[in-house]
Amino acid sequence: MIQEIRGVGLLSGIVFKPPRSLKLRVPFEAFRRIHSGMFGQALVMRMFRDHGYLTQVCGNNFMVLKVAPPLVVTDAQIDGFVSAIHAVVDEVHSSGTFWPEALGLARRVIQV
């Protein structure tokens, strides 16, 4: 689901694309119809809650995860972030918890 990683220096954006697999495409498209930012917000929530990394979607493009580490960062911290984003993307593809949790987020959006 990662289309590209772009940026300059440590300010980067991870660009996501819709999943190819039909099994993942159906919930992805359902969430996109509720709100275009649902997928990105679910990623942000997982990165912070499960791994302690504060990220955000990039402006009005909800399919880009903004990566902006502090000016003073160690290689170990960068490696930790890479491991965390890898774990979250793996959860999207293989876990039964990501999509049901995202559905709960969607329910809260609909009730607003």
Protein backbone atom coordinates (compact mmCIF):
# COMPACT_ATOMS: atom_id res chain seq x y z
CA MET A 1 0.00 0.00 0.00
CA ILE A 2 3.00 2.33 0.06
CA GLN A 3 3.23 4.15 -3.25
CA GLU A 4 6.33 6.22 -2.54
CA ILE A 5 8.35 8.01 0.09
CA ARG A 6 9.21 11.56 -0.82
CA GLY A 7 10.74 14.58 0.82
CA VAL A 8 13.89 16.50 1.56
CA GLY A 9 16.23 15.66 4.42
CA LEU A 10 14.29 14.35 7.39
CA LEU A 11 11.00 16.00 6.36
CA SER A 12 9.31 13.22 4.44
CA GLY A 13 5.91 12.01 3.37
CA ILE A 14 4.86 8.39 3.08
CA VAL A 15 2.35 8.24 0.23
CA PHE A 16 -0.18 5.43 0.50
CA LYS A 17 -2.33 4.00 -2.25
CA PRO A 18 -5.47 1.87 -2.12
CA PRO A 19 -4.81 -1.83 -1.54
CA ARG A 20 -4.77 -4.19 -4.50
CA SER A 21 -6.34 -7.12 -2.68
CA LEU A 22 -10.15 -7.19 -2.84
CA LYS A 23 -10.27 -8.35 0.80
CA LEU A 24 -8.63 -5.07 1.88
CA ARG A 25 -10.03 -2.88 -0.87
CA VAL A 26 -13.65 -3.29 0.27
CA PRO A 27 -13.17 -1.88 3.81
CA PHE A 28 -10.72 0.72 2.52
CA GLU A 29 -13.23 2.07 -0.02
CA ALA A 30 -16.03 1.96 2.57
CA PHE A 31 -13.98 4.11 4.93
CA ARG A 32 -13.05 6.48 2.12
CA ARG A 33 -16.75 6.99 1.35
CA ILE A 34 -17.47 7.86 4.99
CA HIS A 35 -14.62 10.36 5.01
CA SER A 36 -11.54 10.59 2.82
CA GLY A 37 -9.29 10.89 5.86
CA MET A 38 -10.42 7.74 7.67
CA PHE A 39 -7.49 5.57 6.60
CA GLY A 40 -4.88 8.22 7.36
CA GLN A 41 -6.38 8.96 10.76
CA ALA A 42 -6.43 5.26 11.63
CA LEU A 43 -2.71 5.09 10.77
CA VAL A 44 -1.96 8.18 12.89
CA MET A 45 -3.93 6.72 15.80
CA ARG A 46 -2.07 3.39 15.62
CA MET A 47 1.35 5.00 15.32
CA PHE A 48 0.77 7.07 18.45
CA ARG A 49 -1.14 4.65 20.63
CA ASP A 50 0.80 1.49 19.84
CA HIS A 51 4.27 2.88 19.19
CA GLY A 52 4.44 6.36 20.72
CA TYR A 53 5.15 8.23 17.47
CA LEU A 54 3.19 11.40 16.81
CA THR A 55 2.49 11.77 13.09
CA GLN A 56 -0.18 13.50 11.05
CA VAL A 57 -1.70 13.40 7.62
CA CYS A 58 -0.29 15.92 5.20
CA GLY A 59 -2.56 18.92 4.69
CA ASN A 60 -5.56 18.00 2.60
CA ASN A 61 -4.02 14.83 1.17
CA PHE A 62 -5.20 12.21 3.62
CA MET A 63 -3.20 9.50 1.88
CA VAL A 64 0.16 11.04 2.86
CA LEU A 65 1.58 10.48 6.32
CA LYS A 66 3.87 13.37 7.30
CA VAL A 67 7.15 12.39 8.93
CA ALA A 68 8.92 15.28 10.67
CA PRO A 69 11.37 14.12 13.36
CA PRO A 70 13.05 16.59 15.70
CA LEU A 71 16.21 18.33 14.50
CA VAL A 72 18.24 16.24 16.92
CA VAL A 73 17.47 12.58 16.28
CA THR A 74 19.52 9.42 16.60
CA ASP A 75 19.86 6.55 14.16
CA ALA A 76 18.20 4.32 16.75
CA GLN A 77 15.16 6.62 16.89
CA ILE A 78 14.87 6.63 13.11
CA ASP A 79 15.18 2.83 13.05
CA GLY A 80 12.45 2.64 15.71
CA PHE A 81 10.12 4.76 13.59
CA VAL A 82 10.78 2.66 10.50
CA SER A 83 10.02 -0.49 12.51
CA ALA A 84 6.82 1.05 13.84
CA ILE A 85 5.49 2.10 10.43
CA HIS A 86 6.39 -1.33 9.08
CA ALA A 87 4.42 -2.96 11.93
CA VAL A 88 1.37 -0.76 11.32
CA VAL A 89 1.37 -1.43 7.57
CA ASP A 90 1.70 -5.16 8.31
CA GLU A 91 -1.33 -4.89 10.61
CA VAL A 92 -3.33 -3.32 7.79
CA HIS A 93 -2.54 -6.31 5.60
CA SER A 94 -2.76 -9.16 8.06
CA SER A 95 -4.41 -8.22 11.33
CA GLY A 96 -8.03 -8.64 12.22
CA THR A 97 -7.75 -5.69 14.60
CA PHE A 98 -6.90 -2.75 12.31
CA TRP A 99 -10.07 -2.70 10.24
CA PRO A 100 -12.56 -3.36 13.08
CA GLU A 101 -10.89 -0.58 15.08
CA ALA A 102 -11.06 1.72 12.05
CA LEU A 103 -14.75 0.82 11.77
CA GLY A 104 -15.21 2.01 15.37
CA LEU A 105 -13.56 5.29 14.38
CA ALA A 106 -15.94 5.52 11.41
CA ARG A 107 -18.94 5.00 13.69
CA ARG A 108 -17.81 7.92 15.83
CA VAL A 109 -17.42 10.09 12.70
CA ILE A 110 -20.92 9.25 11.49
CA GLN A 111 -22.46 10.16 14.85
CA VAL A 112 -20.86 13.61 14.89
